[in-house]
Amino acid sequence: MQSFSTKVAAITGAGSGMGRALAVQLAKLDCAVAISDVVDEKLQETESLIKDHDVKVTRHPVDVSDRSVCTYLWDANNPCDTHTTAGLNNDRRY
């Protein structure tokens, strides 16, 4: 199986549902995760599930419909020696 130990996944909507499931699954695969959602209490729950897997997790209670927030998330979580493999957005408007 492919190793994700050198990867960072930024996941929006990670407070519940598919976003939470993806964050937990990637943590199980040794991937660091940057989780974001508008509801911090839900993010805290997701963070506690991820911490069981001994990977780096950063929690960002933000609204990603604000473009400047997306820039902040990128800058805060993208190591300069890596490249982007994929960008995903689970915004229902598209």
N, C-alpha and C. Protein backbone atom coordinates (compact mmCIF):
# COMPACT_ATOMS: atom_id res chain seq x y z
N MET A 1 0.83 -1.17 0.00
CA MET A 1 0.00 0.00 0.00
C MET A 1 0.88 1.24 0.00
N GLN A 2 0.44 2.27 -0.72
CA GLN A 2 1.18 3.52 -0.80
C GLN A 2 1.29 4.19 0.56
N SER A 3 2.44 4.78 0.83
CA SER A 3 2.65 5.51 2.08
C SER A 3 2.26 6.98 1.90
N PHE A 4 1.58 7.52 2.89
CA PHE A 4 1.20 8.93 2.88
C PHE A 4 1.95 9.70 3.97
N SER A 5 3.03 9.13 4.48
CA SER A 5 3.73 9.71 5.62
C SER A 5 4.36 11.07 5.32
N THR A 6 4.58 11.39 4.06
CA THR A 6 5.17 12.68 3.72
C THR A 6 4.13 13.65 3.17
N LYS A 7 2.87 13.30 3.28
CA LYS A 7 1.79 14.10 2.70
C LYS A 7 1.01 14.85 3.76
N VAL A 8 0.38 15.95 3.34
CA VAL A 8 -0.54 16.72 4.17
C VAL A 8 -1.82 16.88 3.38
N ALA A 9 -2.95 16.50 3.98
CA ALA A 9 -4.25 16.67 3.35
C ALA A 9 -5.01 17.77 4.06
N ALA A 10 -5.46 18.77 3.32
CA ALA A 10 -6.31 19.82 3.86
C ALA A 10 -7.75 19.45 3.53
N ILE A 11 -8.56 19.26 4.56
CA ILE A 11 -9.91 18.75 4.37
C ILE A 11 -10.93 19.74 4.92
N THR A 12 -11.79 20.25 4.04
CA THR A 12 -12.87 21.13 4.47
C THR A 12 -14.09 20.29 4.83
N GLY A 13 -14.93 20.83 5.67
CA GLY A 13 -16.12 20.08 6.10
C GLY A 13 -15.77 18.88 6.95
N ALA A 14 -14.65 18.95 7.66
CA ALA A 14 -14.15 17.80 8.42
C ALA A 14 -14.84 17.62 9.77
N GLY A 15 -15.80 18.47 10.09
CA GLY A 15 -16.50 18.34 11.36
C GLY A 15 -17.51 17.22 11.40
N SER A 16 -17.89 16.69 10.24
CA SER A 16 -18.89 15.61 10.21
C SER A 16 -18.90 14.95 8.83
N GLY A 17 -19.67 13.91 8.72
CA GLY A 17 -19.93 13.27 7.44
C GLY A 17 -18.70 12.80 6.68
N MET A 18 -18.73 13.03 5.37
CA MET A 18 -17.65 12.56 4.50
C MET A 18 -16.32 13.22 4.82
N GLY A 19 -16.34 14.50 5.19
CA GLY A 19 -15.10 15.19 5.54
C GLY A 19 -14.44 14.54 6.75
N ARG A 20 -15.23 14.23 7.77
CA ARG A 20 -14.68 13.57 8.96
C ARG A 20 -14.16 12.18 8.60
N ALA A 21 -14.94 11.43 7.85
CA ALA A 21 -14.54 10.07 7.47
C ALA A 21 -13.24 10.08 6.68
N LEU A 22 -13.11 11.04 5.76
CA LEU A 22 -11.88 11.14 4.97
C LEU A 22 -10.69 11.48 5.85
N ALA A 23 -10.87 12.42 6.77
CA ALA A 23 -9.78 12.81 7.66
C ALA A 23 -9.30 11.63 8.50
N VAL A 24 -10.23 10.87 9.05
CA VAL A 24 -9.87 9.72 9.88
C VAL A 24 -9.19 8.64 9.03
N GLN A 25 -9.72 8.39 7.85
CA GLN A 25 -9.13 7.36 6.98
C GLN A 25 -7.72 7.73 6.56
N LEU A 26 -7.49 8.98 6.19
CA LEU A 26 -6.15 9.40 5.81
C LEU A 26 -5.19 9.32 6.99
N ALA A 27 -5.66 9.65 8.19
CA ALA A 27 -4.82 9.53 9.38
C ALA A 27 -4.42 8.08 9.61
N LYS A 28 -5.34 7.16 9.36
CA LYS A 28 -5.03 5.73 9.49
C LYS A 28 -3.93 5.32 8.52
N LEU A 29 -3.82 6.04 7.39
CA LEU A 29 -2.81 5.76 6.37
C LEU A 29 -1.54 6.58 6.59
N ASP A 30 -1.41 7.18 7.77
CA ASP A 30 -0.21 7.92 8.18
C ASP A 30 -0.06 9.26 7.47
N CYS A 31 -1.15 9.87 7.08
CA CYS A 31 -1.14 11.17 6.42
C CYS A 31 -1.45 12.26 7.45
N ALA A 32 -0.66 13.32 7.46
CA ALA A 32 -0.97 14.47 8.30
C ALA A 32 -2.21 15.15 7.74
N VAL A 33 -3.04 15.72 8.61
CA VAL A 33 -4.27 16.34 8.15
C VAL A 33 -4.46 17.73 8.73
N ALA A 34 -4.94 18.63 7.89
CA ALA A 34 -5.35 19.97 8.30
C ALA A 34 -6.85 20.00 8.13
N ILE A 35 -7.58 20.01 9.24
CA ILE A 35 -9.03 19.91 9.16
C ILE A 35 -9.67 21.28 9.37
N SER A 36 -10.73 21.54 8.62
CA SER A 36 -11.44 22.81 8.77
C SER A 36 -12.94 22.59 8.67
N ASP A 37 -13.66 23.46 9.36
CA ASP A 37 -15.12 23.45 9.36
C ASP A 37 -15.56 24.74 10.03
N VAL A 38 -16.80 25.13 9.85
CA VAL A 38 -17.30 26.34 10.50
C VAL A 38 -17.69 26.09 11.96
N VAL A 39 -17.83 24.84 12.35
CA VAL A 39 -18.25 24.50 13.72
C VAL A 39 -17.06 23.88 14.47
N ASP A 40 -16.43 24.67 15.33
CA ASP A 40 -15.22 24.22 16.02
C ASP A 40 -15.48 23.03 16.94
N GLU A 41 -16.63 22.96 17.59
CA GLU A 41 -16.91 21.84 18.48
C GLU A 41 -16.86 20.51 17.72
N LYS A 42 -17.39 20.50 16.51
CA LYS A 42 -17.35 19.29 15.68
C LYS A 42 -15.92 18.97 15.25
N LEU A 43 -15.14 20.01 14.96
CA LEU A 43 -13.73 19.80 14.61
C LEU A 43 -12.96 19.19 15.77
N GLN A 44 -13.27 19.62 16.97
CA GLN A 44 -12.60 19.06 18.15
C GLN A 44 -12.89 17.57 18.26
N GLU A 45 -14.11 17.16 17.94
CA GLU A 45 -14.45 15.74 17.96
C GLU A 45 -13.64 14.97 16.92
N THR A 46 -13.56 15.53 15.72
CA THR A 46 -12.79 14.90 14.66
C THR A 46 -11.32 14.82 15.04
N GLU A 47 -10.80 15.89 15.60
CA GLU A 47 -9.40 15.92 16.03
C GLU A 47 -9.11 14.82 17.04
N SER A 48 -10.02 14.60 17.97
CA SER A 48 -9.79 13.55 18.97
C SER A 48 -9.77 12.16 18.33
N LEU A 49 -10.56 11.96 17.30
CA LEU A 49 -10.54 10.67 16.58
C LEU A 49 -9.22 10.48 15.84
N ILE A 50 -8.69 11.56 15.30
CA ILE A 50 -7.45 11.49 14.52
C ILE A 50 -6.24 11.29 15.41
N LYS A 51 -6.23 11.92 16.56
CA LYS A 51 -5.07 11.84 17.45
C LYS A 51 -4.75 10.41 17.87
N ASP A 52 -5.70 9.51 17.81
CA ASP A 52 -5.45 8.10 18.12
C ASP A 52 -4.49 7.46 17.12
N HIS A 53 -4.26 8.12 15.98
CA HIS A 53 -3.44 7.53 14.91
C HIS A 53 -2.04 8.12 14.84
N ASP A 54 -1.68 8.96 15.79
CA ASP A 54 -0.31 9.48 15.92
C ASP A 54 0.21 10.16 14.65
N VAL A 55 -0.62 11.04 14.08
CA VAL A 55 -0.21 11.87 12.95
C VAL A 55 -0.41 13.33 13.33
N LYS A 56 0.26 14.21 12.61
CA LYS A 56 0.08 15.64 12.87
C LYS A 56 -1.31 16.05 12.40
N VAL A 57 -2.00 16.78 13.25
CA VAL A 57 -3.31 17.33 12.88
C VAL A 57 -3.37 18.79 13.31
N THR A 58 -3.83 19.63 12.39
CA THR A 58 -4.07 21.03 12.73
C THR A 58 -5.55 21.31 12.52
N ARG A 59 -6.14 22.06 13.45
CA ARG A 59 -7.58 22.34 13.42
C ARG A 59 -7.79 23.81 13.07
N HIS A 60 -8.67 24.06 12.10
CA HIS A 60 -8.93 25.41 11.62
C HIS A 60 -10.44 25.66 11.56
N PRO A 61 -11.00 26.31 12.60
CA PRO A 61 -12.43 26.63 12.58
C PRO A 61 -12.69 27.87 11.72
N VAL A 62 -12.88 27.67 10.44
CA VAL A 62 -13.00 28.77 9.49
C VAL A 62 -14.10 28.51 8.48
N ASP A 63 -14.48 29.55 7.76
CA ASP A 63 -15.46 29.46 6.68
C ASP A 63 -14.71 29.58 5.37
N VAL A 64 -14.58 28.48 4.65
CA VAL A 64 -13.78 28.48 3.43
C VAL A 64 -14.48 29.14 2.24
N SER A 65 -15.69 29.67 2.44
CA SER A 65 -16.30 30.44 1.36
C SER A 65 -15.62 31.81 1.20
N ASP A 66 -14.77 32.16 2.16
CA ASP A 66 -13.97 33.37 2.10
C ASP A 66 -12.63 33.03 1.46
N ARG A 67 -12.35 33.61 0.32
CA ARG A 67 -11.14 33.30 -0.44
C ARG A 67 -9.86 33.51 0.37
N SER A 68 -9.83 34.53 1.20
CA SER A 68 -8.62 34.79 2.00
C SER A 68 -8.37 33.67 3.00
N VAL A 69 -9.41 33.03 3.45
CA VAL A 69 -9.26 31.88 4.36
C VAL A 69 -8.59 30.73 3.63
N CYS A 70 -8.97 30.50 2.38
CA CYS A 70 -8.35 29.43 1.60
C CYS A 70 -6.86 29.70 1.41
N THR A 71 -6.50 30.94 1.18
CA THR A 71 -5.09 31.31 1.07
C THR A 71 -4.37 31.02 2.38
N TYR A 72 -4.98 31.41 3.48
CA TYR A 72 -4.41 31.14 4.80
C TYR A 72 -4.20 29.64 5.01
N LEU A 73 -5.21 28.83 4.71
CA LEU A 73 -5.08 27.38 4.90
C LEU A 73 -3.94 26.82 4.07
N TRP A 74 -3.82 27.27 2.84
CA TRP A 74 -2.74 26.81 1.97
C TRP A 74 -1.38 27.17 2.57
N ASP A 75 -1.22 28.44 2.92
CA ASP A 75 0.06 28.91 3.46
C ASP A 75 0.42 28.22 4.77
N ALA A 76 -0.57 27.96 5.60
CA ALA A 76 -0.32 27.37 6.92
C ALA A 76 -0.01 25.88 6.86
N ASN A 77 -0.41 25.20 5.78
CA ASN A 77 -0.31 23.74 5.77
C ASN A 77 0.43 23.13 4.60
N ASN A 78 0.98 23.93 3.72
CA ASN A 78 1.68 23.39 2.56
C ASN A 78 3.18 23.55 2.72
N PRO A 79 3.87 22.46 3.04
CA PRO A 79 5.33 22.57 3.14
C PRO A 79 5.92 23.01 1.81
N CYS A 80 6.89 23.91 1.83
CA CYS A 80 7.41 24.46 0.57
C CYS A 80 8.15 23.45 -0.29
N ASP A 81 8.55 22.33 0.27
CA ASP A 81 9.30 21.37 -0.54
C ASP A 81 8.40 20.30 -1.16
N THR A 82 7.10 20.54 -1.18
CA THR A 82 6.18 19.58 -1.78
C THR A 82 5.41 20.24 -2.91
N HIS A 83 4.68 19.44 -3.64
CA HIS A 83 3.80 19.98 -4.67
C HIS A 83 2.38 19.47 -4.42
N THR A 84 1.43 20.14 -5.01
CA THR A 84 0.04 19.76 -4.83
C THR A 84 -0.29 18.58 -5.73
N THR A 85 -0.86 17.55 -5.14
CA THR A 85 -1.28 16.39 -5.92
C THR A 85 -2.73 16.55 -6.36
N ALA A 86 -3.56 17.07 -5.46
CA ALA A 86 -4.98 17.24 -5.79
C ALA A 86 -5.57 18.33 -4.93
N GLY A 87 -6.56 19.00 -5.47
CA GLY A 87 -7.31 19.98 -4.69
C GLY A 87 -8.78 19.63 -4.80
N LEU A 88 -9.44 19.54 -3.66
CA LEU A 88 -10.85 19.15 -3.64
C LEU A 88 -11.65 20.19 -2.89
N ASN A 89 -12.88 20.39 -3.30
CA ASN A 89 -13.77 21.30 -2.62
C ASN A 89 -15.14 20.65 -2.55
N ASN A 90 -15.70 20.56 -1.35
CA ASN A 90 -16.99 19.91 -1.21
C ASN A 90 -18.12 20.94 -1.07
N ASP A 91 -17.94 22.10 -1.67
CA ASP A 91 -18.94 23.17 -1.63
C ASP A 91 -20.15 22.74 -2.45
N ARG A 92 -21.31 22.79 -1.87
CA ARG A 92 -22.54 22.33 -2.54
C ARG A 92 -23.00 23.26 -3.67
N ARG A 93 -22.41 24.44 -3.78
CA ARG A 93 -22.86 25.38 -4.80
C ARG A 93 -22.41 24.98 -6.20
N TYR A 94 -21.47 24.07 -6.34
CA TYR A 94 -20.92 23.73 -7.66
C TYR A 94 -21.48 22.45 -8.19
